[in-house]
Amino acid sequence: MQSTFTLIFVVDFYEPIFSKCVFKEELPFKINHMNILLRSSVYCIFLLVLLRGGLSAQTLQTLEHDEIERTYYIYVPESYTGDQSVPLLMVFHGYTSSAKNIMSYSGFNSIADKEGFIAVYPQGTRLENKTHWNVGGWTLKSSVDDVDFVDQLLDTLSNRYTIDPNRIYATGMSNGGYMSFLLACKLSSRIAAIASVTGSMTPQTFYDCAPQHPMPVLQFHGTADGTVPYQGAPLWTQSIDDVLLYWKSFNETQVSTEPTALPDLNKKDGSTVEHYRYDNSVNGIAVEHYKVLGGKHQWFGVRGNKDIQASRIIWDFLDRYALDGLRH
């Protein structure tokens, strides 16, 4: 009898969330004149317990957008209770890759456990049978509106979780880095700061960029990247120097600075790192670049260069900012 009472309370309290659950192995059930379905694997009860805190979890969820069923992984740390708003980090996979893959190698779930943010890993759709984000350039044939998808995804997550709307961030690898830049240009009203690993900006993004507030930007790139060339390619990708110059100009930061040569901790990885930081002395907004000399198309710290840990640096950078500027 006690368990039945608890179930009724949870369902009644979280009716808006419970009603959105996707059920399998369905059994009819009715509480307080609300027709619902219980699933024998009690997935939704698990979700509701999670929302009340005390249990970390990684789940695959779905969202219909423009008549396409989209999927995403979400990781909620054990510290989450729903009583206080928490930051949200969106992590976008690379071209031909997957949400599950970048979730596996980036290590953001373990960082989320330590820092208390929710991490979400959206899955791109297929273009010519290859997963992608529609960012222009080599994806011009795509008809998917991924910016609107992200906008809808943020609405959905904000309804289900207590997300701090001033602390939503985007990062990604390669095509996912391009997507992060696109969001900085087209959805800046919801994005506080971005970081890109081996990504850049397509001409379509670069020449049609209209951020609504100063945008902190962090860029990692290898000079020997054979997939997204550091020097750019006129038809489909801007050079990293052009990208940095755009954001330095927009954010009114220093134009030039002396790089800091980071310690060569791993002599066997065939690369070294220079760190460039361009600051706006008034509002604290920064554009930062980790230039990996000899670095290839890799997530640094996991593959290739081991002198830096990209994921840890990314969170430490993003965490400094909110929509209205520098937090600390």
C-alpha atoms as a PDB file:
ATOM      1  CA  MET A   1       0.000   0.000   0.000  1.00  0.00           C
ATOM      2  CA  GLN A   2       2.859   2.384   0.810  1.00  0.00           C
ATOM      3  CA  SER A   3       4.453   1.886  -2.607  1.00  0.00           C
ATOM      4  CA  THR A   4       1.111   2.571  -4.309  1.00  0.00           C
ATOM      5  CA  PHE A   5       0.736   5.869  -2.432  1.00  0.00           C
ATOM      6  CA  THR A   6       4.260   6.905  -3.405  1.00  0.00           C
ATOM      7  CA  LEU A   7       3.591   6.114  -7.054  1.00  0.00           C
ATOM      8  CA  ILE A   8       0.404   8.200  -7.079  1.00  0.00           C
ATOM      9  CA  PHE A   9       2.227  11.149  -5.535  1.00  0.00           C
ATOM     10  CA  VAL A  10       5.096  11.019  -8.004  1.00  0.00           C
ATOM     11  CA  VAL A  11       2.848  10.677 -11.042  1.00  0.00           C
ATOM     12  CA  ASP A  12       0.573  13.494  -9.898  1.00  0.00           C
ATOM     13  CA  PHE A  13       3.481  15.799  -9.054  1.00  0.00           C
ATOM     14  CA  TYR A  14       5.324  15.222 -12.309  1.00  0.00           C
ATOM     15  CA  GLU A  15       2.361  14.752 -14.621  1.00  0.00           C
ATOM     16  CA  PRO A  16       3.776  17.029 -17.380  1.00  0.00           C
ATOM     17  CA  ILE A  17       6.966  14.961 -17.545  1.00  0.00           C
ATOM     18  CA  PHE A  18       5.349  11.575 -17.011  1.00  0.00           C
ATOM     19  CA  SER A  19       2.905  12.139 -19.856  1.00  0.00           C
ATOM     20  CA  LYS A  20       5.802  12.644 -22.297  1.00  0.00           C
ATOM     21  CA  CYS A  21       7.461   9.295 -21.587  1.00  0.00           C
ATOM     22  CA  VAL A  22       7.759   6.781 -24.405  1.00  0.00           C
ATOM     23  CA  PHE A  23       6.393   3.406 -23.318  1.00  0.00           C
ATOM     24  CA  LYS A  24       6.860  -0.162 -24.448  1.00  0.00           C
ATOM     25  CA  GLU A  25       5.271  -3.332 -23.043  1.00  0.00           C
ATOM     26  CA  GLU A  26       2.309  -1.123 -22.174  1.00  0.00           C
ATOM     27  CA  LEU A  27      -0.187  -1.784 -19.408  1.00  0.00           C
ATOM     28  CA  PRO A  28      -3.287   0.414 -18.934  1.00  0.00           C
ATOM     29  CA  PHE A  29      -3.372   2.370 -15.703  1.00  0.00           C
ATOM     30  CA  LYS A  30      -5.519   5.221 -14.434  1.00  0.00           C
ATOM     31  CA  ILE A  31      -4.865   7.696 -11.624  1.00  0.00           C
ATOM     32  CA  ASN A  32      -7.030  10.693 -10.744  1.00  0.00           C
ATOM     33  CA  HIS A  33      -8.893  10.464 -14.075  1.00  0.00           C
ATOM     34  CA  MET A  34      -5.614  10.726 -15.987  1.00  0.00           C
ATOM     35  CA  ASN A  35      -5.165   7.865 -18.428  1.00  0.00           C
ATOM     36  CA  ILE A  36      -1.527   6.825 -18.527  1.00  0.00           C
ATOM     37  CA  LEU A  37       0.424   3.716 -19.360  1.00  0.00           C
ATOM     38  CA  LEU A  38       2.888   1.967 -17.128  1.00  0.00           C
ATOM     39  CA  ARG A  39       5.881   0.204 -18.576  1.00  0.00           C
ATOM     40  CA  SER A  40       6.943  -3.060 -16.998  1.00  0.00           C
ATOM     41  CA  SER A  41      10.587  -1.977 -17.028  1.00  0.00           C
ATOM     42  CA  VAL A  42       9.496   1.125 -15.031  1.00  0.00           C
ATOM     43  CA  TYR A  43      11.643   3.412 -17.170  1.00  0.00           C
ATOM     44  CA  CYS A  44       9.528   6.447 -16.365  1.00  0.00           C
ATOM     45  CA  ILE A  45       9.536   5.780 -12.635  1.00  0.00           C
ATOM     46  CA  PHE A  46      13.315   5.612 -12.913  1.00  0.00           C
ATOM     47  CA  LEU A  47      13.308   8.940 -14.754  1.00  0.00           C
ATOM     48  CA  LEU A  48      11.150  10.576 -12.118  1.00  0.00           C
ATOM     49  CA  VAL A  49      13.313   9.294  -9.286  1.00  0.00           C
ATOM     50  CA  LEU A  50      16.290  10.673 -11.192  1.00  0.00           C
ATOM     51  CA  LEU A  51      14.650  14.083 -11.431  1.00  0.00           C
ATOM     52  CA  ARG A  52      14.298  14.134  -7.662  1.00  0.00           C
ATOM     53  CA  GLY A  53      18.070  13.642  -7.358  1.00  0.00           C
ATOM     54  CA  GLY A  54      20.471  11.203  -5.792  1.00  0.00           C
ATOM     55  CA  LEU A  55      21.105   9.053  -8.885  1.00  0.00           C
ATOM     56  CA  SER A  56      23.330   9.745 -11.864  1.00  0.00           C
ATOM     57  CA  ALA A  57      22.163   8.374 -15.191  1.00  0.00           C
ATOM     58  CA  GLN A  58      22.837   8.339 -18.897  1.00  0.00           C
ATOM     59  CA  THR A  59      19.734   7.865 -21.037  1.00  0.00           C
ATOM     60  CA  LEU A  60      18.873   7.870 -24.730  1.00  0.00           C
ATOM     61  CA  GLN A  61      15.867  10.058 -25.459  1.00  0.00           C
ATOM     62  CA  THR A  62      13.898  11.041 -28.558  1.00  0.00           C
ATOM     63  CA  LEU A  63      12.407  14.230 -29.911  1.00  0.00           C
ATOM     64  CA  GLU A  64      10.309  14.732 -33.030  1.00  0.00           C
ATOM     65  CA  HIS A  65      11.406  17.735 -35.065  1.00  0.00           C
ATOM     66  CA  ASP A  66      10.096  18.590 -38.533  1.00  0.00           C
ATOM     67  CA  GLU A  67       8.548  15.099 -38.742  1.00  0.00           C
ATOM     68  CA  ILE A  68      11.942  13.478 -38.063  1.00  0.00           C
ATOM     69  CA  GLU A  69      12.577  11.465 -34.926  1.00  0.00           C
ATOM     70  CA  ARG A  70      15.764  12.889 -33.453  1.00  0.00           C
ATOM     71  CA  THR A  71      17.718  11.270 -30.637  1.00  0.00           C
ATOM     72  CA  TYR A  72      20.124  12.446 -27.986  1.00  0.00           C
ATOM     73  CA  TYR A  73      21.945  11.087 -24.975  1.00  0.00           C
ATOM     74  CA  ILE A  74      21.641  13.007 -21.748  1.00  0.00           C
ATOM     75  CA  TYR A  75      23.761  12.616 -18.642  1.00  0.00           C
ATOM     76  CA  VAL A  76      22.454  13.889 -15.310  1.00  0.00           C
ATOM     77  CA  PRO A  77      24.957  13.857 -12.424  1.00  0.00           C
ATOM     78  CA  GLU A  78      24.148  12.387  -9.041  1.00  0.00           C
ATOM     79  CA  SER A  79      24.315  15.832  -7.448  1.00  0.00           C
ATOM     80  CA  TYR A  80      21.294  17.039  -9.438  1.00  0.00           C
ATOM     81  CA  THR A  81      18.172  17.495  -7.289  1.00  0.00           C
ATOM     82  CA  GLY A  82      16.071  19.896  -9.344  1.00  0.00           C
ATOM     83  CA  ASP A  83      16.008  22.364  -6.464  1.00  0.00           C
ATOM     84  CA  GLN A  84      18.673  24.598  -8.014  1.00  0.00           C
ATOM     85  CA  SER A  85      19.315  25.433 -11.642  1.00  0.00           C
ATOM     86  CA  VAL A  86      22.373  23.851 -13.242  1.00  0.00           C
ATOM     87  CA  PRO A  87      24.400  24.583 -16.389  1.00  0.00           C
ATOM     88  CA  LEU A  88      23.857  22.619 -19.597  1.00  0.00           C
ATOM     89  CA  LEU A  89      26.650  21.554 -21.949  1.00  0.00           C
ATOM     90  CA  MET A  90      25.732  20.446 -25.484  1.00  0.00           C
ATOM     91  CA  VAL A  91      28.377  18.248 -27.120  1.00  0.00           C
ATOM     92  CA  PHE A  92      28.172  17.752 -30.899  1.00  0.00           C
ATOM     93  CA  HIS A  93      29.820  14.835 -32.688  1.00  0.00           C
ATOM     94  CA  GLY A  94      31.840  15.015 -35.887  1.00  0.00           C
ATOM     95  CA  TYR A  95      30.907  14.215 -39.483  1.00  0.00           C
ATOM     96  CA  THR A  96      30.096  10.479 -39.946  1.00  0.00           C
ATOM     97  CA  SER A  97      30.400   9.996 -36.164  1.00  0.00           C
ATOM     98  CA  SER A  98      27.770   9.661 -33.439  1.00  0.00           C
ATOM     99  CA  ALA A  99      26.550  11.041 -30.139  1.00  0.00           C
ATOM    100  CA  LYS A 100      27.511   7.803 -28.403  1.00  0.00           C
ATOM    101  CA  ASN A 101      31.041   7.971 -29.763  1.00  0.00           C
ATOM    102  CA  ILE A 102      31.817  11.508 -28.617  1.00  0.00           C
ATOM    103  CA  MET A 103      30.180  10.835 -25.271  1.00  0.00           C
ATOM    104  CA  SER A 104      32.548   7.893 -24.867  1.00  0.00           C
ATOM    105  CA  TYR A 105      35.856   9.575 -25.688  1.00  0.00           C
ATOM    106  CA  SER A 106      35.299  13.164 -24.537  1.00  0.00           C
ATOM    107  CA  GLY A 107      34.930  12.268 -20.874  1.00  0.00           C
ATOM    108  CA  PHE A 108      32.439  15.044 -20.148  1.00  0.00           C
ATOM    109  CA  ASN A 109      30.248  12.750 -18.034  1.00  0.00           C
ATOM    110  CA  SER A 110      32.960  12.378 -15.416  1.00  0.00           C
ATOM    111  CA  ILE A 111      33.571  16.135 -15.483  1.00  0.00           C
ATOM    112  CA  ALA A 112      29.805  16.666 -15.057  1.00  0.00           C
ATOM    113  CA  ASP A 113      29.926  14.507 -11.932  1.00  0.00           C
ATOM    114  CA  LYS A 114      32.592  16.759 -10.455  1.00  0.00           C
ATOM    115  CA  GLU A 115      31.200  20.103 -11.625  1.00  0.00           C
ATOM    116  CA  GLY A 116      27.446  19.520 -11.414  1.00  0.00           C
ATOM    117  CA  PHE A 117      26.311  20.292 -14.975  1.00  0.00           C
ATOM    118  CA  ILE A 118      24.036  18.288 -17.263  1.00  0.00           C
ATOM    119  CA  ALA A 119      25.607  17.065 -20.505  1.00  0.00           C
ATOM    120  CA  VAL A 120      23.591  16.372 -23.646  1.00  0.00           C
ATOM    121  CA  TYR A 121      24.878  14.707 -26.805  1.00  0.00           C
ATOM    122  CA  PRO A 122      22.551  15.279 -29.783  1.00  0.00           C
ATOM    123  CA  GLN A 123      22.636  12.941 -32.772  1.00  0.00           C
ATOM    124  CA  GLY A 124      22.928  14.376 -36.266  1.00  0.00           C
ATOM    125  CA  THR A 125      20.860  13.176 -39.228  1.00  0.00           C
ATOM    126  CA  ARG A 126      22.104  11.451 -42.366  1.00  0.00           C
ATOM    127  CA  LEU A 127      23.152  13.162 -45.575  1.00  0.00           C
ATOM    128  CA  GLU A 128      24.081  10.729 -48.351  1.00  0.00           C
ATOM    129  CA  ASN A 129      24.112   8.096 -45.613  1.00  0.00           C
ATOM    130  CA  LYS A 130      26.639   9.992 -43.489  1.00  0.00           C
ATOM    131  CA  THR A 131      25.777  11.600 -40.179  1.00  0.00           C
ATOM    132  CA  HIS A 132      26.175  15.358 -40.224  1.00  0.00           C
ATOM    133  CA  TRP A 133      25.197  18.776 -38.913  1.00  0.00           C
ATOM    134  CA  ASN A 134      23.851  21.184 -41.528  1.00  0.00           C
ATOM    135  CA  VAL A 135      26.394  23.999 -41.364  1.00  0.00           C
ATOM    136  CA  GLY A 136      26.801  24.904 -45.048  1.00  0.00           C
ATOM    137  CA  GLY A 137      30.060  24.151 -46.833  1.00  0.00           C
ATOM    138  CA  TRP A 138      30.225  20.455 -47.693  1.00  0.00           C
ATOM    139  CA  THR A 139      26.709  19.963 -46.196  1.00  0.00           C
ATOM    140  CA  LEU A 140      24.952  22.424 -48.511  1.00  0.00           C
ATOM    141  CA  LYS A 141      22.724  19.672 -49.912  1.00  0.00           C
ATOM    142  CA  SER A 142      21.172  19.128 -46.495  1.00  0.00           C
ATOM    143  CA  SER A 143      17.625  20.355 -45.866  1.00  0.00           C
ATOM    144  CA  VAL A 144      17.682  19.800 -42.094  1.00  0.00           C
ATOM    145  CA  ASP A 145      17.316  22.864 -39.872  1.00  0.00           C
ATOM    146  CA  ASP A 146      19.670  21.888 -37.069  1.00  0.00           C
ATOM    147  CA  VAL A 147      19.592  25.315 -35.410  1.00  0.00           C
ATOM    148  CA  ASP A 148      15.834  25.032 -34.979  1.00  0.00           C
ATOM    149  CA  PHE A 149      16.264  21.462 -33.751  1.00  0.00           C
ATOM    150  CA  VAL A 150      18.644  22.663 -31.045  1.00  0.00           C
ATOM    151  CA  ASP A 151      16.247  25.458 -30.134  1.00  0.00           C
ATOM    152  CA  GLN A 152      13.437  22.915 -29.694  1.00  0.00           C
ATOM    153  CA  LEU A 153      15.747  20.567 -27.805  1.00  0.00           C
ATOM    154  CA  LEU A 154      16.594  23.337 -25.351  1.00  0.00           C
ATOM    155  CA  ASP A 155      12.883  23.997 -24.817  1.00  0.00           C
ATOM    156  CA  THR A 156      12.317  20.312 -24.115  1.00  0.00           C
ATOM    157  CA  LEU A 157      15.225  19.990 -21.694  1.00  0.00           C
ATOM    158  CA  SER A 158      14.268  23.201 -19.912  1.00  0.00           C
ATOM    159  CA  ASN A 159      10.789  21.787 -19.321  1.00  0.00           C
ATOM    160  CA  ARG A 160      12.121  18.513 -17.927  1.00  0.00           C
ATOM    161  CA  TYR A 161      15.103  19.721 -15.917  1.00  0.00           C
ATOM    162  CA  THR A 162      15.988  22.797 -13.896  1.00  0.00           C
ATOM    163  CA  ILE A 163      18.406  24.298 -16.411  1.00  0.00           C
ATOM    164  CA  ASP A 164      20.045  27.676 -15.851  1.00  0.00           C
ATOM    165  CA  PRO A 165      19.016  29.560 -19.032  1.00  0.00           C
ATOM    166  CA  ASN A 166      22.012  31.870 -18.653  1.00  0.00           C
ATOM    167  CA  ARG A 167      24.523  29.030 -18.657  1.00  0.00           C
ATOM    168  CA  ILE A 168      23.969  26.972 -21.787  1.00  0.00           C
ATOM    169  CA  TYR A 169      27.134  26.076 -23.698  1.00  0.00           C
ATOM    170  CA  ALA A 170      28.082  24.324 -26.952  1.00  0.00           C
ATOM    171  CA  THR A 171      31.170  22.385 -27.935  1.00  0.00           C
ATOM    172  CA  GLY A 172      32.012  19.757 -30.513  1.00  0.00           C
ATOM    173  CA  MET A 173      34.529  17.926 -32.653  1.00  0.00           C
ATOM    174  CA  SER A 174      35.064  18.797 -36.323  1.00  0.00           C
ATOM    175  CA  ASN A 175      31.544  19.131 -37.842  1.00  0.00           C
ATOM    176  CA  GLY A 176      30.385  19.504 -34.231  1.00  0.00           C
ATOM    177  CA  GLY A 177      32.763  22.431 -33.837  1.00  0.00           C
ATOM    178  CA  TYR A 178      31.261  24.005 -36.968  1.00  0.00           C
ATOM    179  CA  MET A 179      27.840  23.474 -35.390  1.00  0.00           C
ATOM    180  CA  SER A 180      28.959  25.236 -32.216  1.00  0.00           C
ATOM    181  CA  PHE A 181      30.073  28.251 -34.263  1.00  0.00           C
ATOM    182  CA  LEU A 182      26.761  28.211 -36.147  1.00  0.00           C
ATOM    183  CA  LEU A 183      24.864  28.323 -32.852  1.00  0.00           C
ATOM    184  CA  ALA A 184      27.038  31.218 -31.691  1.00  0.00           C
ATOM    185  CA  CYS A 185      25.968  33.077 -34.819  1.00  0.00           C
ATOM    186  CA  LYS A 186      22.305  32.042 -35.073  1.00  0.00           C
ATOM    187  CA  LEU A 187      21.167  31.132 -31.550  1.00  0.00           C
ATOM    188  CA  SER A 188      23.282  33.438 -29.416  1.00  0.00           C
ATOM    189  CA  SER A 189      20.242  34.489 -27.384  1.00  0.00           C
ATOM    190  CA  ARG A 190      20.527  31.080 -25.688  1.00  0.00           C
ATOM    191  CA  ILE A 191      24.243  30.277 -25.959  1.00  0.00           C
ATOM    192  CA  ALA A 192      26.619  31.771 -23.378  1.00  0.00           C
ATOM    193  CA  ALA A 193      29.941  30.532 -24.810  1.00  0.00           C
ATOM    194  CA  ILE A 194      31.339  27.947 -27.221  1.00  0.00           C
ATOM    195  CA  ALA A 195      34.390  25.769 -27.777  1.00  0.00           C
ATOM    196  CA  SER A 196      35.497  24.005 -30.957  1.00  0.00           C
ATOM    197  CA  VAL A 197      37.940  21.138 -31.382  1.00  0.00           C
ATOM    198  CA  THR A 198      39.228  20.805 -34.981  1.00  0.00           C
ATOM    199  CA  GLY A 199      36.180  22.674 -36.308  1.00  0.00           C
ATOM    200  CA  SER A 200      35.926  26.018 -38.092  1.00  0.00           C
ATOM    201  CA  MET A 201      33.318  28.168 -39.860  1.00  0.00           C
ATOM    202  CA  THR A 202      31.958  27.575 -43.342  1.00  0.00           C
ATOM    203  CA  PRO A 203      31.604  30.608 -45.638  1.00  0.00           C
ATOM    204  CA  GLN A 204      27.826  30.402 -45.127  1.00  0.00           C
ATOM    205  CA  THR A 205      28.261  30.748 -41.361  1.00  0.00           C
ATOM    206  CA  PHE A 206      31.128  33.223 -41.517  1.00  0.00           C
ATOM    207  CA  TYR A 207      29.439  35.755 -43.819  1.00  0.00           C
ATOM    208  CA  ASP A 208      26.005  35.501 -42.218  1.00  0.00           C
ATOM    209  CA  CYS A 209      26.954  35.598 -38.559  1.00  0.00           C
ATOM    210  CA  ALA A 210      24.919  37.886 -36.292  1.00  0.00           C
ATOM    211  CA  PRO A 211      25.542  37.259 -32.579  1.00  0.00           C
ATOM    212  CA  GLN A 212      23.405  39.259 -30.153  1.00  0.00           C
ATOM    213  CA  HIS A 213      25.994  39.544 -27.397  1.00  0.00           C
ATOM    214  CA  PRO A 214      29.776  39.275 -26.960  1.00  0.00           C
ATOM    215  CA  MET A 215      30.603  35.592 -27.431  1.00  0.00           C
ATOM    216  CA  PRO A 216      33.478  33.863 -25.618  1.00  0.00           C
ATOM    217  CA  VAL A 217      35.182  31.489 -28.058  1.00  0.00           C
ATOM    218  CA  LEU A 218      37.731  28.726 -27.485  1.00  0.00           C
ATOM    219  CA  GLN A 219      39.378  27.046 -30.470  1.00  0.00           C
ATOM    220  CA  PHE A 220      41.662  23.990 -30.588  1.00  0.00           C
ATOM    221  CA  HIS A 221      43.319  23.180 -33.896  1.00  0.00           C
ATOM    222  CA  GLY A 222      46.323  21.301 -35.225  1.00  0.00           C
ATOM    223  CA  THR A 223      48.557  22.779 -37.898  1.00  0.00           C
ATOM    224  CA  ALA A 224      48.821  19.364 -39.588  1.00  0.00           C
ATOM    225  CA  ASP A 225      45.060  18.739 -39.674  1.00  0.00           C
ATOM    226  CA  GLY A 226      44.433  17.045 -43.021  1.00  0.00           C
ATOM    227  CA  THR A 227      40.642  17.002 -42.649  1.00  0.00           C
ATOM    228  CA  VAL A 228      39.906  20.621 -41.699  1.00  0.00           C
ATOM    229  CA  PRO A 229      43.006  22.469 -42.912  1.00  0.00           C
ATOM    230  CA  TYR A 230      44.358  25.134 -40.581  1.00  0.00           C
ATOM    231  CA  GLN A 231      44.865  27.465 -43.549  1.00  0.00           C
ATOM    232  CA  GLY A 232      41.310  26.927 -44.777  1.00  0.00           C
ATOM    233  CA  ALA A 233      39.886  26.014 -48.183  1.00  0.00           C
ATOM    234  CA  PRO A 234      38.094  28.769 -50.157  1.00  0.00           C
ATOM    235  CA  LEU A 235      35.021  26.792 -51.202  1.00  0.00           C
ATOM    236  CA  TRP A 236      34.024  25.293 -47.877  1.00  0.00           C
ATOM    237  CA  THR A 237      35.957  26.365 -44.788  1.00  0.00           C
ATOM    238  CA  GLN A 238      37.542  29.522 -43.392  1.00  0.00           C
ATOM    239  CA  SER A 239      41.098  29.534 -42.125  1.00  0.00           C
ATOM    240  CA  ILE A 240      41.570  29.392 -38.375  1.00  0.00           C
ATOM    241  CA  ASP A 241      43.267  32.797 -38.518  1.00  0.00           C
ATOM    242  CA  ASP A 242      40.161  34.243 -40.217  1.00  0.00           C
ATOM    243  CA  VAL A 243      37.881  32.685 -37.601  1.00  0.00           C
ATOM    244  CA  LEU A 244      39.933  34.042 -34.714  1.00  0.00           C
ATOM    245  CA  LEU A 245      40.133  37.487 -36.331  1.00  0.00           C
ATOM    246  CA  TYR A 246      36.347  37.595 -36.745  1.00  0.00           C
ATOM    247  CA  TRP A 247      35.680  36.834 -33.090  1.00  0.00           C
ATOM    248  CA  LYS A 248      38.444  39.108 -31.838  1.00  0.00           C
ATOM    249  CA  SER A 249      36.954  41.939 -33.855  1.00  0.00           C
ATOM    250  CA  PHE A 250      33.374  41.211 -32.806  1.00  0.00           C
ATOM    251  CA  ASN A 251      34.310  40.905 -29.124  1.00  0.00           C
ATOM    252  CA  GLU A 252      36.619  43.933 -29.295  1.00  0.00           C
ATOM    253  CA  THR A 253      39.495  42.052 -27.726  1.00  0.00           C
ATOM    254  CA  GLN A 254      43.201  42.511 -28.142  1.00  0.00           C
ATOM    255  CA  VAL A 255      44.197  42.100 -31.779  1.00  0.00           C
ATOM    256  CA  SER A 256      47.540  40.478 -31.064  1.00  0.00           C
ATOM    257  CA  THR A 257      49.266  38.799 -28.172  1.00  0.00           C
ATOM    258  CA  GLU A 258      52.375  36.784 -27.507  1.00  0.00           C
ATOM    259  CA  PRO A 259      51.661  33.042 -27.310  1.00  0.00           C
ATOM    260  CA  THR A 260      52.535  30.974 -24.300  1.00  0.00           C
ATOM    261  CA  ALA A 261      54.497  27.841 -25.145  1.00  0.00           C
ATOM    262  CA  LEU A 262      53.081  25.052 -23.010  1.00  0.00           C
ATOM    263  CA  PRO A 263      55.337  22.356 -21.511  1.00  0.00           C
ATOM    264  CA  ASP A 264      56.055  19.468 -23.866  1.00  0.00           C
ATOM    265  CA  LEU A 265      54.894  16.803 -21.412  1.00  0.00           C
ATOM    266  CA  ASN A 266      54.832  13.997 -23.954  1.00  0.00           C
ATOM    267  CA  LYS A 267      57.889  13.878 -26.187  1.00  0.00           C
ATOM    268  CA  LYS A 268      56.489  10.982 -28.200  1.00  0.00           C
ATOM    269  CA  ASP A 269      53.301  12.562 -29.565  1.00  0.00           C
ATOM    270  CA  GLY A 270      55.123  14.572 -32.262  1.00  0.00           C
ATOM    271  CA  SER A 271      53.501  17.880 -31.362  1.00  0.00           C
ATOM    272  CA  THR A 272      53.704  20.894 -29.074  1.00  0.00           C
ATOM    273  CA  VAL A 273      51.139  23.511 -28.041  1.00  0.00           C
ATOM    274  CA  GLU A 274      51.002  27.302 -28.106  1.00  0.00           C
ATOM    275  CA  HIS A 275      48.264  29.069 -26.153  1.00  0.00           C
ATOM    276  CA  TYR A 276      46.910  32.403 -27.406  1.00  0.00           C
ATOM    277  CA  ARG A 277      44.563  34.505 -25.281  1.00  0.00           C
ATOM    278  CA  TYR A 278      42.867  37.683 -26.493  1.00  0.00           C
ATOM    279  CA  ASP A 279      40.989  39.629 -23.796  1.00  0.00           C
ATOM    280  CA  ASN A 280      38.492  42.437 -23.672  1.00  0.00           C
ATOM    281  CA  SER A 281      39.714  44.392 -20.663  1.00  0.00           C
ATOM    282  CA  VAL A 282      36.282  45.976 -20.079  1.00  0.00           C
ATOM    283  CA  ASN A 283      33.876  43.015 -20.003  1.00  0.00           C
ATOM    284  CA  GLY A 284      36.283  40.101 -19.537  1.00  0.00           C
ATOM    285  CA  ILE A 285      35.197  38.294 -22.709  1.00  0.00           C
ATOM    286  CA  ALA A 286      38.041  36.278 -24.211  1.00  0.00           C
ATOM    287  CA  VAL A 287      38.918  34.510 -27.426  1.00  0.00           C
ATOM    288  CA  GLU A 288      41.411  31.710 -26.781  1.00  0.00           C
ATOM    289  CA  HIS A 289      43.258  29.396 -29.124  1.00  0.00           C
ATOM    290  CA  TYR A 290      45.292  26.277 -28.463  1.00  0.00           C
ATOM    291  CA  LYS A 291      47.447  25.908 -31.558  1.00  0.00           C
ATOM    292  CA  VAL A 292      48.827  22.384 -31.711  1.00  0.00           C
ATOM    293  CA  LEU A 293      52.005  22.503 -33.773  1.00  0.00           C
ATOM    294  CA  GLY A 294      52.108  19.244 -35.699  1.00  0.00           C
ATOM    295  CA  GLY A 295      48.665  18.308 -34.386  1.00  0.00           C
ATOM    296  CA  LYS A 296      46.232  16.376 -36.553  1.00  0.00           C
ATOM    297  CA  HIS A 297      42.443  15.921 -36.654  1.00  0.00           C
ATOM    298  CA  GLN A 298      42.056  14.609 -33.119  1.00  0.00           C
ATOM    299  CA  TRP A 299      40.504  15.319 -29.721  1.00  0.00           C
ATOM    300  CA  PHE A 300      43.641  16.428 -27.912  1.00  0.00           C
ATOM    301  CA  GLY A 301      44.397  14.690 -24.650  1.00  0.00           C
ATOM    302  CA  VAL A 302      42.585  11.578 -25.853  1.00  0.00           C
ATOM    303  CA  ARG A 303      44.332  11.060 -29.166  1.00  0.00           C
ATOM    304  CA  GLY A 304      47.375  12.767 -30.645  1.00  0.00           C
ATOM    305  CA  ASN A 305      48.741  15.512 -28.462  1.00  0.00           C
ATOM    306  CA  LYS A 306      48.878  14.589 -24.772  1.00  0.00           C
ATOM    307  CA  ASP A 307      50.295  17.879 -23.470  1.00  0.00           C
ATOM    308  CA  ILE A 308      46.776  19.235 -22.949  1.00  0.00           C
ATOM    309  CA  GLN A 309      43.432  17.786 -21.928  1.00  0.00           C
ATOM    310  CA  ALA A 310      40.911  19.466 -24.222  1.00  0.00           C
ATOM    311  CA  SER A 311      37.794  18.440 -22.298  1.00  0.00           C
ATOM    312  CA  ARG A 312      39.021  19.799 -18.956  1.00  0.00           C
ATOM    313  CA  ILE A 313      40.189  23.044 -20.576  1.00  0.00           C
ATOM    314  CA  ILE A 314      36.847  23.409 -22.367  1.00  0.00           C
ATOM    315  CA  TRP A 315      34.789  23.197 -19.205  1.00  0.00           C
ATOM    316  CA  ASP A 316      37.095  25.523 -17.259  1.00  0.00           C
ATOM    317  CA  PHE A 317      36.759  28.089 -20.073  1.00  0.00           C
ATOM    318  CA  LEU A 318      32.984  27.830 -20.533  1.00  0.00           C
ATOM    319  CA  ASP A 319      32.347  27.860 -16.791  1.00  0.00           C
ATOM    320  CA  ARG A 320      33.701  31.405 -16.566  1.00  0.00           C
ATOM    321  CA  TYR A 321      30.803  32.831 -18.573  1.00  0.00           C
ATOM    322  CA  ALA A 322      27.050  33.399 -18.560  1.00  0.00           C
ATOM    323  CA  LEU A 323      24.838  35.082 -21.163  1.00  0.00           C
ATOM    324  CA  ASP A 324      25.491  38.467 -19.585  1.00  0.00           C
ATOM    325  CA  GLY A 325      29.260  38.035 -19.535  1.00  0.00           C
ATOM    326  CA  LEU A 326      32.002  37.072 -17.128  1.00  0.00           C
ATOM    327  CA  ARG A 327      30.906  35.154 -14.016  1.00  0.00           C
ATOM    328  CA  HIS A 328      34.252  34.983 -12.212  1.00  0.00           C
END
